[in-house]
Amino acid sequence: MHTVLTVFKIIASFVILIVLTTIALVGTIITLGMMQDAVFEKIIAPAARLVLRVNGVKLVVDNPHPVDRPVVYITNHSSTLDMFVIASLALPHTRYVAKYELLYNPLFFILGKATGQIFVKRQEREKAVSTIQKAYVRARKNNFSLFVAPEGTRKHEGLVGPFKKGAFRIALDMQYPIVPLHIKGARQLCPGGSLSVTPGTVTVTYKPMIDTSDWKLETLDQHIQSVREQYLAWETEDIEQ
């Protein structure tokens, strides 16, 4: 019975994604790509919440605080659920930096292009740098925030995987403050690359904003380590509770 229910939830989730992709594509065509924020906030975010509900996941958002300027959002990443959790937040006027390989999935290709997301070829340094530089120009021109998962993958050992420099280099170059988001519970409900979801609660907590105005390239590694240690502390607190 459990296997049947799991298969049903996976199929239902894919059906939601297919319908969502179709609506997003139609919306993009109708608006000539001029309403990317609206497509994300009014179509993708509600659909992501629906996927969570279908899988028996209750989302709790703790301490959300509005931002009055562009920022770099970061979060821990250890579950397939994370993408639906973050999408559910409908972070205002934000573009998401993701690995290029996601574009090989037709659904992500359409959704990503329809909403103007940023896909980076991490294995090809020159192309990755070029993509990020273009993202800087877009961000400054359109005054939008950027979202990056510093671990770069949900499949890693330990509570928190190694942090890549990308998110922090963006914050340094753009002089954007960092808003850390901490996801609690997703790994326990759907670990790593699993598609099987155990019903339960996932909590997203908005942590205090990190000022990057005095950061220097020479000390960037120290700042990265400091932020990662904070995430490790939060994860340890979760285990001890």
C-alpha atoms as a PDB file:
ATOM      1  CA  MET A   1       0.000   0.000   0.000  1.00  0.00           C
ATOM      2  CA  HIS A   2       2.854   2.348   0.874  1.00  0.00           C
ATOM      3  CA  THR A   3       4.488   1.698  -2.505  1.00  0.00           C
ATOM      4  CA  VAL A   4       1.231   2.385  -4.341  1.00  0.00           C
ATOM      5  CA  LEU A   5       0.750   5.647  -2.432  1.00  0.00           C
ATOM      6  CA  THR A   6       4.327   6.713  -3.166  1.00  0.00           C
ATOM      7  CA  VAL A   7       3.894   6.043  -6.887  1.00  0.00           C
ATOM      8  CA  PHE A   8       0.603   7.962  -6.865  1.00  0.00           C
ATOM      9  CA  LYS A   9       2.213  10.995  -5.214  1.00  0.00           C
ATOM     10  CA  ILE A  10       5.108  10.968  -7.686  1.00  0.00           C
ATOM     11  CA  ILE A  11       2.721  10.749 -10.652  1.00  0.00           C
ATOM     12  CA  ALA A  12       0.501  13.485  -9.204  1.00  0.00           C
ATOM     13  CA  SER A  13       3.530  15.724  -8.706  1.00  0.00           C
ATOM     14  CA  PHE A  14       4.640  15.228 -12.311  1.00  0.00           C
ATOM     15  CA  VAL A  15       1.124  15.957 -13.576  1.00  0.00           C
ATOM     16  CA  ILE A  16       1.142  19.206 -11.601  1.00  0.00           C
ATOM     17  CA  LEU A  17       4.528  20.106 -13.103  1.00  0.00           C
ATOM     18  CA  ILE A  18       3.333  19.361 -16.641  1.00  0.00           C
ATOM     19  CA  VAL A  19       0.204  21.479 -16.201  1.00  0.00           C
ATOM     20  CA  LEU A  20       2.286  24.217 -14.580  1.00  0.00           C
ATOM     21  CA  THR A  21       4.773  24.183 -17.449  1.00  0.00           C
ATOM     22  CA  THR A  22       1.985  24.487 -20.005  1.00  0.00           C
ATOM     23  CA  ILE A  23       0.372  27.414 -18.181  1.00  0.00           C
ATOM     24  CA  ALA A  24       3.724  29.152 -17.692  1.00  0.00           C
ATOM     25  CA  LEU A  25       4.563  28.752 -21.390  1.00  0.00           C
ATOM     26  CA  VAL A  26       1.186  30.128 -22.477  1.00  0.00           C
ATOM     27  CA  GLY A  27       1.502  33.004 -20.013  1.00  0.00           C
ATOM     28  CA  THR A  28       4.960  33.852 -21.299  1.00  0.00           C
ATOM     29  CA  ILE A  29       3.796  33.845 -24.916  1.00  0.00           C
ATOM     30  CA  ILE A  30       0.759  36.002 -24.149  1.00  0.00           C
ATOM     31  CA  THR A  31       2.808  38.556 -22.191  1.00  0.00           C
ATOM     32  CA  LEU A  32       5.759  38.383 -24.621  1.00  0.00           C
ATOM     33  CA  GLY A  33       8.026  37.513 -21.704  1.00  0.00           C
ATOM     34  CA  MET A  34       7.396  40.853 -20.018  1.00  0.00           C
ATOM     35  CA  MET A  35       5.887  39.472 -16.793  1.00  0.00           C
ATOM     36  CA  GLN A  36       8.435  36.938 -15.568  1.00  0.00           C
ATOM     37  CA  ASP A  37       7.963  37.845 -11.896  1.00  0.00           C
ATOM     38  CA  ALA A  38       4.198  37.445 -12.181  1.00  0.00           C
ATOM     39  CA  VAL A  39       4.546  34.057 -13.891  1.00  0.00           C
ATOM     40  CA  PHE A  40       6.750  32.847 -11.044  1.00  0.00           C
ATOM     41  CA  GLU A  41       4.782  34.336  -8.161  1.00  0.00           C
ATOM     42  CA  LYS A  42       1.268  33.627  -9.467  1.00  0.00           C
ATOM     43  CA  ILE A  43       1.790  30.304 -11.237  1.00  0.00           C
ATOM     44  CA  ILE A  44       4.980  28.529 -10.175  1.00  0.00           C
ATOM     45  CA  ALA A  45       4.885  29.320  -6.448  1.00  0.00           C
ATOM     46  CA  PRO A  46       1.267  28.145  -5.931  1.00  0.00           C
ATOM     47  CA  ALA A  47       1.989  24.991  -7.954  1.00  0.00           C
ATOM     48  CA  ALA A  48       5.055  24.276  -5.789  1.00  0.00           C
ATOM     49  CA  ARG A  49       2.896  24.603  -2.674  1.00  0.00           C
ATOM     50  CA  LEU A  50       0.405  22.191  -4.225  1.00  0.00           C
ATOM     51  CA  VAL A  51       3.163  19.627  -4.865  1.00  0.00           C
ATOM     52  CA  LEU A  52       4.141  19.857  -1.194  1.00  0.00           C
ATOM     53  CA  ARG A  53       0.538  19.376  -0.073  1.00  0.00           C
ATOM     54  CA  VAL A  54       0.035  16.387  -2.387  1.00  0.00           C
ATOM     55  CA  ASN A  55       3.061  14.799  -0.717  1.00  0.00           C
ATOM     56  CA  GLY A  56       1.764  15.532   2.771  1.00  0.00           C
ATOM     57  CA  VAL A  57       4.317  18.229   3.517  1.00  0.00           C
ATOM     58  CA  LYS A  58       3.294  21.189   5.669  1.00  0.00           C
ATOM     59  CA  LEU A  59       5.415  24.288   5.036  1.00  0.00           C
ATOM     60  CA  VAL A  60       6.079  26.676   7.917  1.00  0.00           C
ATOM     61  CA  VAL A  61       7.825  29.988   7.223  1.00  0.00           C
ATOM     62  CA  ASP A  62       9.531  31.493  10.268  1.00  0.00           C
ATOM     63  CA  ASN A  63      10.632  35.105  10.686  1.00  0.00           C
ATOM     64  CA  PRO A  64      10.112  36.326   7.102  1.00  0.00           C
ATOM     65  CA  HIS A  65      11.397  39.849   6.780  1.00  0.00           C
ATOM     66  CA  PRO A  66      10.930  42.130   3.794  1.00  0.00           C
ATOM     67  CA  VAL A  67      14.006  43.473   2.039  1.00  0.00           C
ATOM     68  CA  ASP A  68      14.112  46.949   0.573  1.00  0.00           C
ATOM     69  CA  ARG A  69      17.036  46.342  -1.754  1.00  0.00           C
ATOM     70  CA  PRO A  70      18.484  43.547  -3.910  1.00  0.00           C
ATOM     71  CA  VAL A  71      20.149  40.739  -1.952  1.00  0.00           C
ATOM     72  CA  VAL A  72      21.729  37.331  -2.444  1.00  0.00           C
ATOM     73  CA  TYR A  73      19.574  34.609  -0.913  1.00  0.00           C
ATOM     74  CA  ILE A  74      21.324  31.386   0.090  1.00  0.00           C
ATOM     75  CA  THR A  75      20.104  28.154   1.675  1.00  0.00           C
ATOM     76  CA  ASN A  76      21.216  24.695   2.726  1.00  0.00           C
ATOM     77  CA  HIS A  77      20.400  21.984   0.189  1.00  0.00           C
ATOM     78  CA  SER A  78      20.011  18.288   0.981  1.00  0.00           C
ATOM     79  CA  SER A  79      16.652  17.193  -0.436  1.00  0.00           C
ATOM     80  CA  THR A  80      14.617  17.022  -3.631  1.00  0.00           C
ATOM     81  CA  LEU A  81      11.941  18.901  -1.676  1.00  0.00           C
ATOM     82  CA  ASP A  82      14.162  21.975  -1.410  1.00  0.00           C
ATOM     83  CA  MET A  83      13.315  23.265  -4.886  1.00  0.00           C
ATOM     84  CA  PHE A  84       9.594  23.160  -4.120  1.00  0.00           C
ATOM     85  CA  VAL A  85      10.106  24.699  -0.690  1.00  0.00           C
ATOM     86  CA  ILE A  86      12.110  27.623  -2.069  1.00  0.00           C
ATOM     87  CA  ALA A  87       9.768  28.121  -5.037  1.00  0.00           C
ATOM     88  CA  SER A  88       6.839  28.215  -2.598  1.00  0.00           C
ATOM     89  CA  LEU A  89       8.335  31.289  -0.914  1.00  0.00           C
ATOM     90  CA  ALA A  90       7.911  33.364  -4.086  1.00  0.00           C
ATOM     91  CA  LEU A  91      10.964  35.449  -3.202  1.00  0.00           C
ATOM     92  CA  PRO A  92      10.174  38.881  -4.646  1.00  0.00           C
ATOM     93  CA  HIS A  93      11.892  39.994  -7.855  1.00  0.00           C
ATOM     94  CA  THR A  94      14.475  37.202  -7.645  1.00  0.00           C
ATOM     95  CA  ARG A  95      16.345  35.131 -10.213  1.00  0.00           C
ATOM     96  CA  TYR A  96      17.704  31.699  -9.365  1.00  0.00           C
ATOM     97  CA  VAL A  97      21.217  30.557 -10.276  1.00  0.00           C
ATOM     98  CA  ALA A  98      21.222  26.829 -11.071  1.00  0.00           C
ATOM     99  CA  LYS A  99      23.353  24.217 -12.783  1.00  0.00           C
ATOM    100  CA  TYR A 100      23.083  24.118 -16.577  1.00  0.00           C
ATOM    101  CA  GLU A 101      22.277  20.400 -16.571  1.00  0.00           C
ATOM    102  CA  LEU A 102      18.737  21.168 -15.388  1.00  0.00           C
ATOM    103  CA  LEU A 103      18.007  22.472 -18.877  1.00  0.00           C
ATOM    104  CA  TYR A 104      18.232  18.909 -20.187  1.00  0.00           C
ATOM    105  CA  ASN A 105      14.886  18.342 -18.472  1.00  0.00           C
ATOM    106  CA  PRO A 106      12.171  19.767 -20.780  1.00  0.00           C
ATOM    107  CA  LEU A 107      10.044  20.931 -17.846  1.00  0.00           C
ATOM    108  CA  PHE A 108      12.869  22.860 -16.208  1.00  0.00           C
ATOM    109  CA  PHE A 109      13.958  24.191 -19.597  1.00  0.00           C
ATOM    110  CA  ILE A 110      10.553  25.742 -20.270  1.00  0.00           C
ATOM    111  CA  LEU A 111      10.021  26.979 -16.707  1.00  0.00           C
ATOM    112  CA  GLY A 112      13.540  28.388 -16.491  1.00  0.00           C
ATOM    113  CA  LYS A 113      13.357  30.217 -19.794  1.00  0.00           C
ATOM    114  CA  ALA A 114       9.814  31.439 -19.118  1.00  0.00           C
ATOM    115  CA  THR A 115      10.892  33.087 -15.872  1.00  0.00           C
ATOM    116  CA  GLY A 116      14.382  34.273 -16.809  1.00  0.00           C
ATOM    117  CA  GLN A 117      16.421  32.061 -14.512  1.00  0.00           C
ATOM    118  CA  ILE A 118      20.217  31.766 -14.771  1.00  0.00           C
ATOM    119  CA  PHE A 119      21.852  28.458 -15.702  1.00  0.00           C
ATOM    120  CA  VAL A 120      25.602  28.061 -15.280  1.00  0.00           C
ATOM    121  CA  LYS A 121      27.957  25.536 -16.895  1.00  0.00           C
ATOM    122  CA  ARG A 122      30.062  25.011 -13.787  1.00  0.00           C
ATOM    123  CA  GLN A 123      32.528  22.628 -15.451  1.00  0.00           C
ATOM    124  CA  GLU A 124      33.427  25.191 -18.128  1.00  0.00           C
ATOM    125  CA  ARG A 125      34.997  28.097 -16.274  1.00  0.00           C
ATOM    126  CA  GLU A 126      35.021  30.626 -19.131  1.00  0.00           C
ATOM    127  CA  LYS A 127      31.363  30.050 -19.958  1.00  0.00           C
ATOM    128  CA  ALA A 128      30.451  30.088 -16.265  1.00  0.00           C
ATOM    129  CA  VAL A 129      32.209  33.420 -15.734  1.00  0.00           C
ATOM    130  CA  SER A 130      30.574  34.863 -18.858  1.00  0.00           C
ATOM    131  CA  THR A 131      27.122  33.768 -17.680  1.00  0.00           C
ATOM    132  CA  ILE A 132      27.647  35.283 -14.236  1.00  0.00           C
ATOM    133  CA  GLN A 133      28.952  38.545 -15.710  1.00  0.00           C
ATOM    134  CA  LYS A 134      25.825  38.810 -17.861  1.00  0.00           C
ATOM    135  CA  ALA A 135      23.748  38.084 -14.757  1.00  0.00           C
ATOM    136  CA  TYR A 136      25.462  41.015 -13.007  1.00  0.00           C
ATOM    137  CA  VAL A 137      24.424  43.320 -15.829  1.00  0.00           C
ATOM    138  CA  ARG A 138      20.831  42.043 -15.756  1.00  0.00           C
ATOM    139  CA  ALA A 139      20.639  42.312 -11.983  1.00  0.00           C
ATOM    140  CA  ARG A 140      21.899  45.890 -11.919  1.00  0.00           C
ATOM    141  CA  LYS A 141      19.674  46.933 -14.809  1.00  0.00           C
ATOM    142  CA  ASN A 142      16.521  45.323 -13.401  1.00  0.00           C
ATOM    143  CA  ASN A 143      17.311  45.683  -9.702  1.00  0.00           C
ATOM    144  CA  PHE A 144      16.589  42.048  -8.874  1.00  0.00           C
ATOM    145  CA  SER A 145      17.922  39.723  -6.192  1.00  0.00           C
ATOM    146  CA  LEU A 146      19.758  36.458  -6.829  1.00  0.00           C
ATOM    147  CA  PHE A 147      19.328  33.056  -5.196  1.00  0.00           C
ATOM    148  CA  VAL A 148      22.132  30.489  -4.956  1.00  0.00           C
ATOM    149  CA  ALA A 149      22.488  27.202  -3.045  1.00  0.00           C
ATOM    150  CA  PRO A 150      26.183  27.288  -2.017  1.00  0.00           C
ATOM    151  CA  GLU A 151      26.501  23.505  -1.722  1.00  0.00           C
ATOM    152  CA  GLY A 152      25.619  23.178  -5.400  1.00  0.00           C
ATOM    153  CA  THR A 153      24.067  19.733  -4.950  1.00  0.00           C
ATOM    154  CA  ARG A 154      21.659  17.965  -2.620  1.00  0.00           C
ATOM    155  CA  LYS A 155      23.788  14.804  -2.663  1.00  0.00           C
ATOM    156  CA  HIS A 156      26.583  15.238  -0.153  1.00  0.00           C
ATOM    157  CA  GLU A 157      27.922  13.666   3.009  1.00  0.00           C
ATOM    158  CA  GLY A 158      27.426  15.251   6.404  1.00  0.00           C
ATOM    159  CA  LEU A 159      24.900  17.782   7.624  1.00  0.00           C
ATOM    160  CA  VAL A 160      26.201  20.531   5.333  1.00  0.00           C
ATOM    161  CA  GLY A 161      28.215  19.987   2.175  1.00  0.00           C
ATOM    162  CA  PRO A 162      31.239  22.064   1.122  1.00  0.00           C
ATOM    163  CA  PHE A 163      30.320  25.604   0.091  1.00  0.00           C
ATOM    164  CA  LYS A 164      31.277  26.760  -3.391  1.00  0.00           C
ATOM    165  CA  LYS A 165      32.384  30.369  -3.802  1.00  0.00           C
ATOM    166  CA  GLY A 166      29.766  31.452  -6.346  1.00  0.00           C
ATOM    167  CA  ALA A 167      27.123  32.957  -4.062  1.00  0.00           C
ATOM    168  CA  PHE A 168      29.686  34.780  -1.973  1.00  0.00           C
ATOM    169  CA  ARG A 169      31.654  36.089  -4.932  1.00  0.00           C
ATOM    170  CA  ILE A 170      28.391  37.444  -6.353  1.00  0.00           C
ATOM    171  CA  ALA A 171      27.633  39.175  -3.050  1.00  0.00           C
ATOM    172  CA  LEU A 172      31.148  40.621  -2.967  1.00  0.00           C
ATOM    173  CA  ASP A 173      31.158  41.811  -6.575  1.00  0.00           C
ATOM    174  CA  MET A 174      27.628  43.216  -6.454  1.00  0.00           C
ATOM    175  CA  GLN A 175      27.948  44.567  -2.916  1.00  0.00           C
ATOM    176  CA  TYR A 176      24.683  42.813  -2.091  1.00  0.00           C
ATOM    177  CA  PRO A 177      23.955  41.717   1.483  1.00  0.00           C
ATOM    178  CA  ILE A 178      23.266  38.016   2.011  1.00  0.00           C
ATOM    179  CA  VAL A 179      19.982  36.697   3.401  1.00  0.00           C
ATOM    180  CA  PRO A 180      20.518  33.146   4.728  1.00  0.00           C
ATOM    181  CA  LEU A 181      17.514  30.838   4.604  1.00  0.00           C
ATOM    182  CA  HIS A 182      17.624  27.675   6.699  1.00  0.00           C
ATOM    183  CA  ILE A 183      15.520  24.680   5.665  1.00  0.00           C
ATOM    184  CA  LYS A 184      14.691  22.303   8.508  1.00  0.00           C
ATOM    185  CA  GLY A 185      13.082  18.906   8.031  1.00  0.00           C
ATOM    186  CA  ALA A 186      13.348  18.388   4.263  1.00  0.00           C
ATOM    187  CA  ARG A 187      16.310  16.024   4.488  1.00  0.00           C
ATOM    188  CA  GLN A 188      14.480  13.827   6.995  1.00  0.00           C
ATOM    189  CA  LEU A 189      11.351  13.625   4.809  1.00  0.00           C
ATOM    190  CA  CYS A 190      13.105  13.125   1.463  1.00  0.00           C
ATOM    191  CA  PRO A 191      16.893  12.645   1.744  1.00  0.00           C
ATOM    192  CA  GLY A 192      19.365  13.304  -1.052  1.00  0.00           C
ATOM    193  CA  GLY A 193      18.162  12.252  -4.481  1.00  0.00           C
ATOM    194  CA  SER A 194      15.170  10.263  -3.243  1.00  0.00           C
ATOM    195  CA  LEU A 195      11.732  10.827  -4.794  1.00  0.00           C
ATOM    196  CA  SER A 196       9.910   9.105  -1.931  1.00  0.00           C
ATOM    197  CA  VAL A 197       8.472  11.630   0.534  1.00  0.00           C
ATOM    198  CA  THR A 198       7.438  10.955   4.119  1.00  0.00           C
ATOM    199  CA  PRO A 199       4.632  13.294   5.241  1.00  0.00           C
ATOM    200  CA  GLY A 200       5.709  15.868   7.792  1.00  0.00           C
ATOM    201  CA  THR A 201       6.660  19.481   8.390  1.00  0.00           C
ATOM    202  CA  VAL A 202       9.363  21.566   6.736  1.00  0.00           C
ATOM    203  CA  THR A 203      10.316  24.886   8.299  1.00  0.00           C
ATOM    204  CA  VAL A 204      12.107  27.694   6.480  1.00  0.00           C
ATOM    205  CA  THR A 205      13.670  30.308   8.727  1.00  0.00           C
ATOM    206  CA  TYR A 206      14.878  33.682   7.497  1.00  0.00           C
ATOM    207  CA  LYS A 207      18.123  34.318   9.372  1.00  0.00           C
ATOM    208  CA  PRO A 208      19.626  37.781  10.039  1.00  0.00           C
ATOM    209  CA  MET A 209      20.976  39.569   6.981  1.00  0.00           C
ATOM    210  CA  ILE A 210      24.757  39.468   6.504  1.00  0.00           C
ATOM    211  CA  ASP A 211      26.404  42.764   5.593  1.00  0.00           C
ATOM    212  CA  THR A 212      29.050  42.313   2.882  1.00  0.00           C
ATOM    213  CA  SER A 213      29.983  45.968   2.377  1.00  0.00           C
ATOM    214  CA  ASP A 214      33.387  45.522   4.031  1.00  0.00           C
ATOM    215  CA  TRP A 215      34.233  42.163   2.459  1.00  0.00           C
ATOM    216  CA  LYS A 216      37.508  41.845   0.550  1.00  0.00           C
ATOM    217  CA  LEU A 217      38.522  39.250  -2.021  1.00  0.00           C
ATOM    218  CA  GLU A 218      41.569  38.389   0.088  1.00  0.00           C
ATOM    219  CA  THR A 219      39.392  37.284   3.010  1.00  0.00           C
ATOM    220  CA  LEU A 220      36.509  35.745   1.046  1.00  0.00           C
ATOM    221  CA  ASP A 221      37.391  32.186   2.078  1.00  0.00           C
ATOM    222  CA  GLN A 222      37.171  33.197   5.728  1.00  0.00           C
ATOM    223  CA  HIS A 223      33.723  34.695   5.225  1.00  0.00           C
ATOM    224  CA  ILE A 224      32.555  31.558   3.420  1.00  0.00           C
ATOM    225  CA  GLN A 225      33.830  29.357   6.232  1.00  0.00           C
ATOM    226  CA  SER A 226      32.123  31.554   8.812  1.00  0.00           C
ATOM    227  CA  VAL A 227      28.751  31.283   7.060  1.00  0.00           C
ATOM    228  CA  ARG A 228      29.115  27.524   6.596  1.00  0.00           C
ATOM    229  CA  GLU A 229      29.916  27.100  10.289  1.00  0.00           C
ATOM    230  CA  GLN A 230      26.728  28.978  11.101  1.00  0.00           C
ATOM    231  CA  TYR A 231      24.729  26.553   8.960  1.00  0.00           C
ATOM    232  CA  LEU A 232      26.438  23.643  10.716  1.00  0.00           C
ATOM    233  CA  ALA A 233      25.415  25.149  14.050  1.00  0.00           C
ATOM    234  CA  TRP A 234      21.797  25.472  12.905  1.00  0.00           C
ATOM    235  CA  GLU A 235      21.756  21.886  11.666  1.00  0.00           C
ATOM    236  CA  THR A 236      23.250  20.655  14.947  1.00  0.00           C
ATOM    237  CA  GLU A 237      20.611  22.562  16.895  1.00  0.00           C
ATOM    238  CA  ASP A 238      17.915  20.822  14.846  1.00  0.00           C
ATOM    239  CA  ILE A 239      19.298  17.391  15.748  1.00  0.00           C
ATOM    240  CA  GLU A 240      19.519  18.233  19.442  1.00  0.00           C
ATOM    241  CA  GLN A 241      15.929  19.502  19.625  1.00  0.00           C
END
